[in-house]
Amino acid sequence: MEIVVANETHLKFASIISETMAESAKVRGTGIALRTPEYLRQRIRNGNAVISLDGDKFVGFCYIEVWDHNKFVANSGLIVHPDYRQLGFARKIKKAIFELSKKKYPKAKIFGITTGLAVMKMNYDLGYKPVTFSELTDDPDFWKGCQTCKNFDVLTRTDRKMCLCTGMLYDPEEKNSKKSKALNSKAFKRLKKIKEQLFLKKNGS
């Protein structure tokens, strides 16, 4: 099993990655922005993606998006093939794309938005902190990417101030003091509880 920076030899996997994302969105019933094979191929061509393989079989994938003239980067599209879930590959892929982001864009703030509590935990462990959407990129092209998400109506109704997703941010210039880490831990637990309640409410539970 290997996790590598994706290159031209991996373009053939774009279709199955796109299909796996779409199927995962259906199964989870939560927000996943869909991506076309060509969209994924572009990220592979410019060296802004990592892929995990088991021989010649697709295991997992994640890619980088760049915003605001390299001031912000997002680690997006984290996906693991159903045959390889619950084995710890998501965490390894997340760490690999995070390290690639820091190497290619050392001064950029790294951010993401997610409904997944597992991804929130992975982000927190890497040094992200929960933030309001106002602290993320204001590039309209980023937010257009949310249009394929089933929860897009929530985002538009709140004037892009909040959604079922949680915004998380890693700032390379921010000191990771014990005090700030403790505050981030408290904020993470509070946001986790809020998101669980919002998800249950939206699904009529």
Protein backbone atom coordinates (compact mmCIF):
# COMPACT_ATOMS: atom_id res chain seq x y z
CA MET A 1 0.00 0.00 0.00
CA GLU A 2 1.39 3.42 -0.92
CA ILE A 3 0.42 7.08 -0.77
CA VAL A 4 2.13 9.26 -3.38
CA VAL A 5 1.79 12.65 -5.02
CA ALA A 6 -0.47 11.98 -8.00
CA ASN A 7 0.96 12.44 -11.50
CA GLU A 8 0.09 11.80 -15.15
CA THR A 9 0.18 8.03 -14.65
CA HIS A 10 -2.76 8.33 -12.26
CA LEU A 11 -5.13 10.18 -14.61
CA LYS A 12 -6.86 6.88 -15.39
CA PHE A 13 -8.25 6.80 -11.84
CA ALA A 14 -10.16 10.11 -12.16
CA SER A 15 -13.44 8.51 -13.18
CA ILE A 16 -13.56 5.98 -10.35
CA ILE A 17 -12.59 8.67 -7.84
CA SER A 18 -15.44 10.89 -9.06
CA GLU A 19 -17.89 7.98 -8.94
CA THR A 20 -16.78 7.02 -5.43
CA MET A 21 -17.37 10.59 -4.23
CA ALA A 22 -20.88 10.57 -5.71
CA GLU A 23 -21.75 7.22 -4.14
CA SER A 24 -20.39 8.30 -0.77
CA ALA A 25 -22.58 11.41 -0.84
CA LYS A 26 -25.66 9.24 -1.40
CA VAL A 27 -24.78 6.78 1.37
CA ARG A 28 -23.83 9.40 3.96
CA GLY A 29 -26.76 11.67 3.21
CA THR A 30 -24.57 14.66 4.07
CA GLY A 31 -22.88 17.38 2.12
CA ILE A 32 -20.18 16.35 -0.34
CA ALA A 33 -19.44 18.69 -3.23
CA LEU A 34 -19.28 16.54 -6.37
CA ARG A 35 -16.32 16.75 -8.72
CA THR A 36 -16.12 15.71 -12.38
CA PRO A 37 -13.32 13.46 -13.66
CA GLU A 38 -11.84 16.36 -15.65
CA TYR A 39 -11.82 18.59 -12.58
CA LEU A 40 -9.85 15.91 -10.72
CA ARG A 41 -7.50 15.34 -13.66
CA GLN A 42 -6.51 19.01 -13.58
CA ARG A 43 -5.50 18.72 -9.91
CA ILE A 44 -3.50 15.61 -10.73
CA ARG A 45 -1.75 17.30 -13.66
CA ASN A 46 -0.57 20.26 -11.58
CA GLY A 47 0.76 18.07 -8.77
CA ASN A 48 -1.89 19.14 -6.27
CA ALA A 49 -3.22 15.74 -5.24
CA VAL A 50 -2.22 12.59 -3.41
CA ILE A 51 -3.44 9.11 -4.21
CA SER A 52 -3.28 5.84 -2.32
CA LEU A 53 -3.00 2.59 -4.27
CA ASP A 54 -3.04 -1.11 -3.52
CA GLY A 55 -1.07 -2.34 -6.51
CA ASP A 56 -3.11 -0.95 -9.39
CA LYS A 57 -6.33 -0.57 -7.37
CA PHE A 58 -7.56 2.82 -6.15
CA VAL A 59 -7.67 3.11 -2.35
CA GLY A 60 -8.03 6.81 -1.58
CA PHE A 61 -7.51 10.36 -2.79
CA CYS A 62 -7.40 14.02 -1.74
CA TYR A 63 -6.48 17.22 -3.57
CA ILE A 64 -5.41 20.83 -3.02
CA GLU A 65 -7.26 23.94 -4.19
CA VAL A 66 -5.50 27.31 -4.23
CA TRP A 67 -7.27 30.62 -3.54
CA ASP A 68 -6.55 34.34 -3.16
CA HIS A 69 -3.17 34.26 -4.95
CA ASN A 70 -1.78 31.47 -2.74
CA LYS A 71 -2.92 33.09 0.52
CA PHE A 72 -5.30 30.21 1.19
CA VAL A 73 -5.25 26.54 0.22
CA ALA A 74 -7.95 23.96 0.86
CA ASN A 75 -7.51 20.22 1.26
CA SER A 76 -10.60 18.89 -0.46
CA GLY A 77 -12.26 15.76 -1.77
CA LEU A 78 -10.92 13.32 0.82
CA ILE A 79 -12.29 9.94 -0.21
CA VAL A 80 -11.52 6.29 0.51
CA HIS A 81 -12.84 3.40 -1.58
CA PRO A 82 -15.51 1.37 0.31
CA ASP A 83 -13.30 -1.75 0.23
CA TYR A 84 -10.65 0.05 2.31
CA ARG A 85 -12.67 2.03 4.84
CA GLN A 86 -12.31 1.70 8.62
CA LEU A 87 -8.62 0.79 8.19
CA GLY A 88 -7.06 4.15 8.97
CA PHE A 89 -6.32 5.20 5.39
CA ALA A 90 -8.32 8.43 5.57
CA ARG A 91 -6.11 9.75 8.36
CA LYS A 92 -2.92 8.82 6.47
CA ILE A 93 -4.16 10.45 3.25
CA LYS A 94 -5.24 13.55 5.15
CA LYS A 95 -1.80 13.87 6.71
CA ALA A 96 -0.11 13.36 3.32
CA ILE A 97 -2.10 16.13 1.60
CA PHE A 98 -1.54 18.40 4.59
CA GLU A 99 2.25 17.91 4.38
CA LEU A 100 2.17 18.47 0.60
CA SER A 101 0.22 21.70 1.15
CA LYS A 102 2.77 23.00 3.64
CA LYS A 103 5.65 22.08 1.33
CA LYS A 104 4.19 23.70 -1.81
CA TYR A 105 2.54 26.69 -0.11
CA PRO A 106 4.50 27.33 3.13
CA LYS A 107 2.97 30.76 3.80
CA ALA A 108 -0.63 29.85 3.00
CA LYS A 109 -3.40 29.31 5.51
CA ILE A 110 -4.81 25.81 5.06
CA PHE A 111 -8.55 25.43 5.52
CA GLY A 112 -11.46 23.14 4.96
CA ILE A 113 -15.18 22.85 5.51
CA THR A 114 -16.79 19.56 6.43
CA THR A 115 -19.84 17.96 7.98
CA GLY A 116 -17.87 14.88 8.99
CA LEU A 117 -16.96 14.62 12.67
CA ALA A 118 -14.13 12.21 11.83
CA VAL A 119 -12.59 14.74 9.43
CA MET A 120 -13.03 17.49 12.03
CA LYS A 121 -11.07 15.36 14.51
CA MET A 122 -8.32 14.68 11.95
CA ASN A 123 -8.06 18.40 11.18
CA TYR A 124 -7.87 19.28 14.86
CA ASP A 125 -5.09 16.74 15.43
CA LEU A 126 -3.10 18.35 12.59
CA GLY A 127 -3.37 21.79 14.19
CA TYR A 128 -6.50 23.25 12.61
CA LYS A 129 -8.92 25.28 14.71
CA PRO A 130 -12.66 25.82 14.23
CA VAL A 131 -13.38 29.25 12.71
CA THR A 132 -16.26 31.25 11.29
CA PHE A 133 -16.67 31.31 7.52
CA SER A 134 -15.60 34.98 7.52
CA GLU A 135 -12.04 33.84 8.34
CA LEU A 136 -11.87 31.68 5.23
CA THR A 137 -11.32 32.74 1.64
CA ASP A 138 -13.92 35.12 0.17
CA ASP A 139 -13.14 33.95 -3.37
CA PRO A 140 -16.57 33.40 -4.98
CA ASP A 141 -15.24 30.50 -7.04
CA PHE A 142 -14.59 28.51 -3.87
CA TRP A 143 -18.14 28.96 -2.66
CA LYS A 144 -19.54 28.13 -6.11
CA GLY A 145 -18.09 24.68 -5.52
CA CYS A 146 -20.73 24.19 -2.82
CA GLN A 147 -23.55 24.39 -5.37
CA THR A 148 -23.51 20.63 -5.94
CA CYS A 149 -23.89 19.98 -2.20
CA LYS A 150 -27.37 19.03 -0.97
CA ASN A 151 -27.08 21.60 1.85
CA PHE A 152 -26.35 24.57 -0.44
CA ASP A 153 -29.75 26.08 0.42
CA VAL A 154 -28.63 26.43 4.06
CA LEU A 155 -25.52 28.33 2.98
CA THR A 156 -27.47 30.74 0.77
CA ARG A 157 -30.20 31.37 3.37
CA THR A 158 -27.59 32.46 5.91
CA ASP A 159 -25.75 34.76 3.47
CA ARG A 160 -22.76 32.39 3.55
CA LYS A 161 -22.27 32.94 7.29
CA MET A 162 -22.91 29.34 8.35
CA CYS A 163 -24.01 25.92 7.14
CA LEU A 164 -24.03 22.34 8.37
CA CYS A 165 -20.33 22.31 7.54
CA THR A 166 -17.75 23.50 10.05
CA GLY A 167 -14.95 25.77 8.88
CA MET A 168 -11.48 24.84 10.13
CA LEU A 169 -8.20 26.70 9.61
CA TYR A 170 -4.47 26.04 10.03
CA ASP A 171 -2.41 29.24 10.22
CA PRO A 172 1.35 28.56 9.88
CA GLU A 173 2.16 31.85 11.61
CA GLU A 174 0.06 31.21 14.69
CA LYS A 175 1.90 29.92 17.71
CA ASN A 176 0.52 26.63 18.99
CA SER A 177 0.61 27.53 22.68
CA LYS A 178 -0.90 25.31 25.36
CA LYS A 179 -3.46 28.02 26.07
CA SER A 180 -4.65 28.30 22.47
CA LYS A 181 -4.69 24.50 22.14
CA ALA A 182 -6.91 24.24 25.21
CA LEU A 183 -9.26 26.88 23.84
CA ASN A 184 -9.37 25.11 20.47
CA SER A 185 -10.21 21.84 22.19
CA LYS A 186 -13.12 23.48 24.01
CA ALA A 187 -14.34 25.12 20.80
CA PHE A 188 -14.08 21.82 18.93
CA LYS A 189 -16.21 20.01 21.49
CA ARG A 190 -18.80 22.79 21.45
CA LEU A 191 -18.99 22.86 17.64
CA LYS A 192 -19.20 19.09 17.50
CA LYS A 193 -22.28 19.18 19.74
CA ILE A 194 -23.87 21.99 17.69
CA LYS A 195 -23.27 20.20 14.37
CA GLU A 196 -24.73 16.97 15.71
CA GLN A 197 -27.88 18.84 16.76
CA LEU A 198 -28.16 20.65 13.39
CA PHE A 199 -27.75 17.42 11.48
CA LEU A 200 -30.41 15.66 13.54
CA LYS A 201 -32.78 18.62 13.11
CA LYS A 202 -32.32 18.77 9.33
CA ASN A 203 -33.00 15.03 9.04
CA GLY A 204 -36.12 15.22 11.18
CA SER A 205 -34.79 13.23 14.11
